[in-house]
């Protein structure tokens, strides 16, 4: 049923313990990023790009605001869907974006291995793992919000 009278099932409210576990995972991913020296601004760029790919309006709204708060520019956010076509992103940002997109899209194994190898070469193992966990958790939160039909307020 859609339209008037439809009542959404918010997964975070329906199973709070499961949602709390997802939040704890995201906190660990954030700690891994911080420990690896990945700045908050880049974490939010990754969250935005993953949410763009997945089409999660709620997460796009949230992480756009958080990216601005972390010091990201509107210009770079505007061209984020075409990051590979610009010189606005540093090498480590490009490697992180490429890895996050690969984890989100799950391309063929050769393309995935290329993205992983490039990210490891540029970022190092610790930052590679942190970016991977950021991407995995953001994908999970996109699916929670999309499935729950969380509204943009």
Protein backbone atom coordinates (compact mmCIF):
# COMPACT_ATOMS: atom_id res chain seq x y z
CA UNK A 1 0.00 0.00 0.00
CA UNK A 2 1.32 3.44 -0.81
CA UNK A 3 0.02 6.95 -0.39
CA UNK A 4 -2.18 8.33 2.40
CA UNK A 5 -2.62 6.03 5.35
CA UNK A 6 0.62 4.16 4.72
CA UNK A 7 2.55 3.67 7.92
CA UNK A 8 6.29 3.04 7.55
CA UNK A 9 8.19 0.54 9.65
CA UNK A 10 11.30 2.31 10.87
CA UNK A 11 13.83 -0.49 11.35
CA UNK A 12 15.72 1.51 13.98
CA UNK A 13 12.55 1.77 16.06
CA UNK A 14 11.28 -1.76 15.35
CA UNK A 15 14.51 -3.42 16.50
CA UNK A 16 16.44 -0.89 18.63
CA UNK A 17 19.05 -3.43 19.76
CA UNK A 18 19.96 -4.26 16.15
CA UNK A 19 20.17 -0.55 15.32
CA UNK A 20 22.30 0.07 18.40
CA UNK A 21 24.71 -2.63 17.16
CA UNK A 22 24.89 -0.89 13.76
CA UNK A 23 25.65 2.42 15.50
CA UNK A 24 28.40 0.73 17.53
CA UNK A 25 29.90 -0.65 14.31
CA UNK A 26 29.84 2.83 12.77
CA UNK A 27 31.54 4.26 15.86
CA UNK A 28 34.30 1.64 15.54
CA UNK A 29 34.70 2.48 11.85
CA UNK A 30 35.00 6.16 12.76
CA UNK A 31 37.59 5.36 15.42
CA UNK A 32 39.55 3.32 12.87
CA UNK A 33 39.51 6.28 10.48
CA UNK A 34 40.68 8.64 13.19
CA UNK A 35 43.43 6.23 14.27
CA UNK A 36 44.57 5.96 10.64
CA UNK A 37 44.76 9.76 10.34
CA UNK A 38 41.80 10.09 7.99
CA UNK A 39 40.29 13.53 8.51
CA UNK A 40 36.59 13.90 9.29
CA UNK A 41 36.09 15.92 6.11
CA UNK A 42 37.15 12.93 3.99
CA UNK A 43 34.98 10.53 6.00
CA UNK A 44 31.98 12.75 5.25
CA UNK A 45 32.91 12.95 1.55
CA UNK A 46 32.96 9.15 1.48
CA UNK A 47 29.60 9.01 3.26
CA UNK A 48 28.16 11.47 0.74
CA UNK A 49 29.50 9.63 -2.31
CA UNK A 50 28.22 6.26 -1.10
CA UNK A 51 24.82 7.80 -0.36
CA UNK A 52 24.75 9.35 -3.85
CA UNK A 53 25.38 5.95 -5.42
CA UNK A 54 22.71 4.29 -3.27
CA UNK A 55 20.20 7.12 -3.65
CA UNK A 56 19.57 7.60 0.07
CA UNK A 57 17.96 11.02 0.47
CA UNK A 58 18.01 10.93 4.27
CA UNK A 59 21.75 10.15 4.42
CA UNK A 60 22.56 12.67 1.67
CA UNK A 61 20.85 15.40 3.67
CA UNK A 62 22.57 14.40 6.90
CA UNK A 63 26.08 13.92 5.53
CA UNK A 64 25.95 17.05 3.37
CA UNK A 65 25.42 19.05 6.56
CA UNK A 66 28.14 17.10 8.40
CA UNK A 67 30.59 17.58 5.51
CA UNK A 68 30.06 21.35 5.60
CA UNK A 69 30.52 21.31 9.38
CA UNK A 70 33.78 19.36 8.89
CA UNK A 71 35.08 22.08 6.55
CA UNK A 72 34.18 20.69 3.13
CA UNK A 73 33.41 23.19 0.36
CA UNK A 74 30.16 23.39 -1.59
CA UNK A 75 32.23 23.37 -4.78
CA UNK A 76 33.80 19.98 -4.07
CA UNK A 77 30.46 18.58 -2.92
CA UNK A 78 28.88 19.79 -6.17
CA UNK A 79 31.40 17.91 -8.32
CA UNK A 80 31.62 14.84 -6.08
CA UNK A 81 29.67 12.60 -8.51
CA UNK A 82 32.40 13.35 -11.08
CA UNK A 83 35.38 13.36 -8.70
CA UNK A 84 37.50 11.29 -11.11
CA UNK A 85 37.12 13.96 -13.80
CA UNK A 86 38.53 16.83 -11.72
CA UNK A 87 41.78 17.86 -10.13
CA UNK A 88 39.97 19.09 -7.00
CA UNK A 89 40.71 15.94 -4.98
CA UNK A 90 44.10 14.94 -3.60
CA UNK A 91 45.64 11.55 -4.38
CA UNK A 92 44.67 10.04 -1.02
CA UNK A 93 41.09 11.32 -1.42
CA UNK A 94 40.87 9.82 -4.91
CA UNK A 95 42.16 6.48 -3.65
CA UNK A 96 39.63 6.49 -0.81
CA UNK A 97 36.75 7.47 -3.12
CA UNK A 98 37.73 4.78 -5.62
CA UNK A 99 37.81 2.12 -2.88
CA UNK A 100 34.49 3.27 -1.39
CA UNK A 101 32.83 3.18 -4.81
CA UNK A 102 34.21 -0.29 -5.45
CA UNK A 103 32.87 -1.58 -2.14
CA UNK A 104 29.50 0.03 -2.85
CA UNK A 105 29.11 -1.13 -6.46
CA UNK A 106 30.91 -4.49 -6.14
CA UNK A 107 32.29 -4.58 -9.69
CA UNK A 108 33.94 -7.60 -11.29
CA UNK A 109 36.83 -9.10 -9.26
CA UNK A 110 39.61 -7.60 -11.43
CA UNK A 111 38.22 -4.09 -11.08
CA UNK A 112 37.73 -4.60 -7.34
CA UNK A 113 41.30 -5.83 -6.90
CA UNK A 114 42.61 -2.84 -8.85
CA UNK A 115 40.74 -0.41 -6.57
CA UNK A 116 41.94 -2.26 -3.47
CA UNK A 117 45.56 -2.37 -4.66
CA UNK A 118 45.54 1.31 -5.59
CA UNK A 119 44.05 2.28 -2.23
CA UNK A 120 46.58 0.19 -0.30
CA UNK A 121 49.47 1.66 -2.30
CA UNK A 122 48.35 5.23 -1.65
CA UNK A 123 46.75 4.96 1.78
CA UNK A 124 48.61 2.11 3.44
CA UNK A 125 47.01 -0.91 5.07
CA UNK A 126 45.58 0.84 8.15
CA UNK A 127 43.84 3.62 6.22
CA UNK A 128 42.71 1.13 3.55
CA UNK A 129 40.99 -0.95 6.23
CA UNK A 130 39.46 2.15 7.81
CA UNK A 131 38.03 3.38 4.50
CA UNK A 132 36.66 -0.10 3.82
CA UNK A 133 34.87 -0.12 7.18
CA UNK A 134 33.51 3.38 6.57
CA UNK A 135 32.12 2.21 3.22
CA UNK A 136 30.66 -0.99 4.65
CA UNK A 137 28.90 0.83 7.50
CA UNK A 138 27.63 3.67 5.29
CA UNK A 139 26.16 1.13 2.88
CA UNK A 140 24.42 -0.53 5.83
CA UNK A 141 22.98 2.77 7.06
CA UNK A 142 21.82 3.66 3.54
CA UNK A 143 19.91 0.40 3.41
CA UNK A 144 18.42 0.95 6.86
CA UNK A 145 17.19 4.43 5.90
CA UNK A 146 15.99 3.46 2.42
CA UNK A 147 14.12 0.40 3.71
CA UNK A 148 12.64 2.43 6.58
CA UNK A 149 11.68 5.32 4.26
CA UNK A 150 13.27 7.76 6.70
CA UNK A 151 12.03 11.21 5.71
CA UNK A 152 14.24 14.18 5.02
CA UNK A 153 13.08 16.83 7.46
